[in-house]
Protein backbone atom coordinates (compact mmCIF):
# COMPACT_ATOMS: atom_id res chain seq x y z
CA MET A 1 -106.84 -51.12 52.71
CA LEU A 2 -105.29 -53.35 50.06
CA ARG A 3 -107.17 -53.75 46.76
CA ALA A 4 -106.03 -56.59 44.64
CA ILE A 5 -106.41 -58.13 41.17
CA ILE A 6 -105.62 -61.79 41.09
CA PHE A 7 -104.90 -63.09 37.56
CA ASP A 8 -104.94 -66.55 36.19
CA MET A 9 -101.95 -67.13 33.89
CA ASP A 10 -102.82 -69.64 31.10
CA GLY A 11 -105.47 -68.37 28.70
CA THR A 12 -105.60 -64.99 30.60
CA LEU A 13 -102.24 -63.35 30.53
CA PHE A 14 -100.22 -65.96 28.64
CA GLN A 15 -101.24 -67.42 25.29
CA THR A 16 -100.59 -70.97 26.34
CA ASN A 17 -101.71 -72.31 22.89
CA SER A 18 -98.58 -70.70 21.38
CA ILE A 19 -96.35 -73.33 22.98
CA LEU A 20 -98.92 -76.00 24.08
CA GLU A 21 -99.15 -77.92 20.88
CA LEU A 22 -95.40 -78.00 20.42
CA ALA A 23 -94.75 -79.42 23.93
CA LEU A 24 -97.64 -81.82 23.73
CA GLU A 25 -96.45 -83.16 20.35
CA ASP A 26 -92.98 -83.62 21.85
CA ALA A 27 -94.40 -85.44 24.90
CA PHE A 28 -96.51 -87.87 22.85
CA LYS A 29 -93.72 -88.45 20.37
CA ARG A 30 -91.62 -89.57 23.36
CA LEU A 31 -94.37 -91.93 24.40
CA ARG A 32 -94.61 -93.28 20.85
CA ASP A 33 -90.82 -93.74 20.76
CA GLN A 34 -91.09 -95.69 23.95
CA GLN A 35 -93.98 -97.73 22.49
CA LEU A 36 -96.35 -96.47 25.20
CA TRP A 37 -98.67 -94.71 22.68
CA ASN A 38 -99.70 -95.69 19.24
CA SER A 39 -102.04 -93.00 17.97
CA ALA A 40 -102.19 -89.34 17.28
CA THR A 41 -101.52 -86.69 19.94
CA PRO A 42 -104.81 -85.92 21.75
CA ILE A 43 -104.59 -82.19 21.29
CA GLU A 44 -108.36 -81.62 20.98
CA LYS A 45 -108.98 -83.57 24.14
CA TYR A 46 -106.40 -81.45 25.97
CA ARG A 47 -108.07 -78.31 24.75
CA GLU A 48 -111.30 -79.35 26.41
CA ILE A 49 -109.66 -79.62 29.83
CA MET A 50 -107.00 -76.95 29.44
CA GLY A 51 -106.51 -75.07 32.67
CA VAL A 52 -106.87 -77.96 35.08
CA PRO A 53 -103.89 -78.99 37.24
CA LEU A 54 -101.41 -81.17 35.30
CA PRO A 55 -102.00 -84.29 37.47
CA GLN A 56 -105.60 -84.18 36.20
CA VAL A 57 -104.43 -83.66 32.65
CA TRP A 58 -102.38 -86.89 32.60
CA GLU A 59 -105.12 -88.84 34.37
CA THR A 60 -107.45 -87.78 31.53
CA LEU A 61 -105.09 -88.16 28.62
CA LEU A 62 -103.39 -91.31 29.93
CA PRO A 63 -106.07 -93.16 31.94
CA LEU A 64 -104.53 -96.58 31.42
CA HIS A 65 -100.96 -95.69 32.16
CA SER A 66 -99.12 -96.06 35.38
CA GLN A 67 -98.37 -93.19 37.77
CA GLU A 68 -94.66 -93.67 36.99
CA VAL A 69 -95.31 -93.13 33.22
CA ARG A 70 -97.56 -90.07 33.93
CA ALA A 71 -94.89 -88.57 36.23
CA ALA A 72 -92.18 -89.07 33.67
CA ILE A 73 -94.12 -87.52 30.83
CA ASP A 74 -95.24 -84.67 33.12
CA ALA A 75 -91.67 -83.82 33.84
CA TYR A 76 -90.64 -83.98 30.13
CA PHE A 77 -93.72 -81.87 29.11
CA LEU A 78 -92.76 -79.23 31.66
CA GLU A 79 -89.22 -79.23 30.44
CA ARG A 80 -90.42 -78.67 26.88
CA LEU A 81 -92.77 -75.86 27.84
CA ILE A 82 -90.02 -74.01 29.70
CA GLU A 83 -87.61 -74.48 26.83
CA ASN A 84 -90.14 -73.03 24.43
CA ILE A 85 -90.78 -70.03 26.70
CA ASN A 86 -87.05 -69.32 27.05
CA ASN A 87 -86.65 -69.63 23.23
CA GLY A 88 -89.28 -66.91 22.74
CA LYS A 89 -91.90 -69.18 21.17
CA GLY A 90 -94.61 -68.09 23.60
CA ALA A 91 -96.57 -64.82 23.83
CA LEU A 92 -98.55 -62.75 26.26
CA TYR A 93 -101.98 -61.59 25.19
CA PRO A 94 -102.11 -58.17 23.61
CA HIS A 95 -101.59 -55.25 25.95
CA THR A 96 -100.85 -57.42 28.99
CA GLN A 97 -97.82 -55.43 30.13
CA ALA A 98 -99.45 -52.11 29.54
CA VAL A 99 -102.57 -53.09 31.45
CA LEU A 100 -100.57 -54.43 34.45
CA ALA A 101 -98.66 -51.20 34.47
CA GLU A 102 -101.79 -49.06 34.50
CA LEU A 103 -103.45 -51.14 37.22
CA LYS A 104 -100.33 -50.86 39.42
CA ASN A 105 -100.27 -47.09 38.80
CA ARG A 106 -103.88 -46.94 39.99
CA ASN A 107 -102.69 -48.53 43.27
CA PHE A 108 -104.03 -52.09 42.74
CA ALA A 109 -101.87 -54.87 44.04
CA ILE A 110 -101.44 -57.52 41.35
CA PHE A 111 -101.02 -61.26 41.91
CA ILE A 112 -100.99 -64.39 39.80
CA ALA A 113 -102.76 -67.58 41.03
CA SER A 114 -102.39 -70.35 38.47
CA ASN A 115 -102.85 -74.07 38.03
CA GLY A 116 -99.38 -74.02 36.40
CA LEU A 117 -96.36 -75.45 38.25
CA PRO A 118 -93.84 -73.14 39.86
CA ALA A 119 -91.00 -73.66 37.43
CA TYR A 120 -93.31 -72.98 34.45
CA LEU A 121 -94.77 -69.87 35.99
CA LYS A 122 -91.30 -68.61 37.02
CA ALA A 123 -90.09 -69.00 33.37
CA ILE A 124 -93.00 -66.82 32.06
CA VAL A 125 -92.64 -64.13 34.82
CA GLU A 126 -88.87 -63.91 34.24
CA TYR A 127 -88.94 -63.92 30.41
CA TYR A 128 -91.62 -61.18 30.24
CA GLU A 129 -90.42 -59.34 33.39
CA LEU A 130 -93.84 -59.47 34.89
CA ASP A 131 -92.43 -59.00 38.38
CA LYS A 132 -92.18 -55.24 37.60
CA TRP A 133 -95.91 -55.27 38.32
CA VAL A 134 -96.75 -58.61 40.03
CA THR A 135 -96.31 -58.74 43.72
CA GLU A 136 -96.18 -62.53 43.93
CA THR A 137 -97.04 -65.53 41.80
CA PHE A 138 -98.80 -68.46 43.44
CA SER A 139 -98.97 -72.03 42.04
CA ILE A 140 -101.64 -74.63 42.70
CA ALA A 141 -98.76 -76.92 43.76
CA GLN A 142 -98.75 -74.86 46.97
CA ILE A 143 -102.25 -76.03 47.87
CA HIS A 144 -102.83 -79.65 48.89
CA SER A 145 -106.41 -79.63 47.67
CA LEU A 146 -105.49 -78.50 44.12
CA ASN A 147 -108.49 -76.17 44.34
CA LYS A 148 -108.31 -72.76 42.79
CA ALA A 149 -110.63 -71.20 45.40
CA ASP A 150 -108.23 -72.39 48.15
CA LEU A 151 -105.31 -70.88 46.29
CA VAL A 152 -106.96 -67.53 45.95
CA ARG A 153 -107.93 -67.69 49.64
CA ALA A 154 -104.29 -68.21 50.48
CA VAL A 155 -103.39 -65.06 48.55
CA ILE A 156 -106.05 -63.08 50.31
CA GLN A 157 -105.01 -64.35 53.75
CA LYS A 158 -101.28 -63.76 53.24
CA TYR A 159 -101.67 -60.20 52.15
CA GLU A 160 -104.76 -59.36 54.18
CA ILE A 161 -106.58 -58.19 51.07
CA ALA A 162 -109.81 -56.31 51.72
CA SER A 163 -111.32 -56.23 48.23
CA GLY A 164 -110.57 -57.24 44.75
CA ALA A 165 -111.22 -59.40 41.68
CA VAL A 166 -110.15 -62.62 40.07
CA VAL A 167 -109.56 -62.51 36.30
CA GLY A 168 -109.55 -65.79 34.38
CA ASP A 169 -110.84 -67.77 31.52
CA ARG A 170 -112.22 -70.89 33.22
CA LEU A 171 -115.03 -71.81 35.60
CA SER A 172 -112.50 -72.54 38.40
CA ASP A 173 -111.41 -68.86 38.28
CA ILE A 174 -114.99 -67.62 38.38
CA GLN A 175 -115.81 -69.93 41.30
CA ALA A 176 -112.67 -68.95 43.06
CA ALA A 177 -113.75 -65.32 42.97
CA SER A 178 -117.31 -65.89 44.14
CA ARG A 179 -116.31 -68.23 46.95
CA ASN A 180 -113.98 -65.54 48.27
CA GLY A 181 -116.37 -62.67 47.90
CA PHE A 182 -114.40 -61.14 44.99
CA LEU A 183 -115.56 -59.76 41.57
CA SER A 184 -115.26 -62.36 38.86
CA VAL A 185 -114.05 -61.27 35.42
CA GLY A 186 -114.13 -63.88 32.66
CA CYS A 187 -111.81 -63.57 29.65
CA HIS A 188 -113.34 -64.58 26.40
CA PHE A 189 -110.06 -65.64 24.83
CA ASP A 190 -109.07 -68.69 22.79
CA PHE A 191 -110.36 -71.91 24.54
CA ALA A 192 -112.71 -70.19 27.07
CA LYS A 193 -116.11 -71.75 27.14
CA LEU A 194 -119.16 -69.52 26.98
CA GLU A 195 -121.16 -71.77 29.29
CA GLU A 196 -118.48 -71.26 31.96
CA LEU A 197 -118.10 -67.47 31.35
CA SER A 198 -121.83 -66.99 31.74
CA GLU A 199 -121.27 -67.38 35.54
CA ALA A 200 -118.85 -64.47 35.63
CA ASP A 201 -119.88 -61.07 36.92
CA ILE A 202 -118.33 -59.39 33.86
CA VAL A 203 -116.92 -60.86 30.59
CA ILE A 204 -114.29 -59.10 28.60
CA ASP A 205 -112.76 -59.59 25.14
CA ASP A 206 -109.80 -57.25 25.63
CA LEU A 207 -107.60 -56.77 28.68
CA ARG A 208 -107.69 -52.95 28.08
CA ASP A 209 -111.24 -52.97 29.59
CA LEU A 210 -109.95 -53.90 33.04
CA PRO A 211 -108.68 -50.50 34.50
CA ALA A 212 -112.06 -48.75 33.90
CA ILE A 213 -113.95 -51.77 35.30
CA PHE A 214 -111.93 -52.01 38.44
CA THR A 215 -111.83 -48.25 39.14
CA LYS A 216 -115.67 -48.27 39.15
CA SER A 217 -116.28 -51.63 40.85
CA ILE A 218 -113.54 -52.07 43.46
CA LYS A 219 -113.40 -49.66 46.41
């Protein structure tokens, strides 16, 4: 019987804020250079929606721009994110690798299900060698609905997972767990919102709490 832990990436394992502002500033500088934007970079607005799929990000930040402009800046933003990762400007949350190693040693299968795009996720996994512990990484781009619950369901169905948990920092992660009958663990990190985390079964402030929680809760 396969027991699994399905992790979100941004704001859960990877400190996205460590490279986010750099890439977002670069993206909006390009828009300003192209005379397609004439004010400050909307970093605070992005923080409010951080964690949603990128198409929704650009619809929110650039509501009056064309799909062509959004697609172009999306590609450039992704390029800058990956370059920052490969240059070592990003960071995992403290103890991430040690916790993943301990969970794997306790015979939990580990997966990542993220709203990030495949190339971005691949860059993080490769740079930090997460595939030592992670069985497979799934991107929201693989799901037509762009719904996190559907993405988690795809993981469960592919690997015939009997029981497990979803660990994340946003409401979409918590809902993805509950809609698939899994334990939901909310991470009270960085831009997580308390009103969203209040719906989680368990809330943590430190990834090191996870092995003890799962050993007791997941059979």
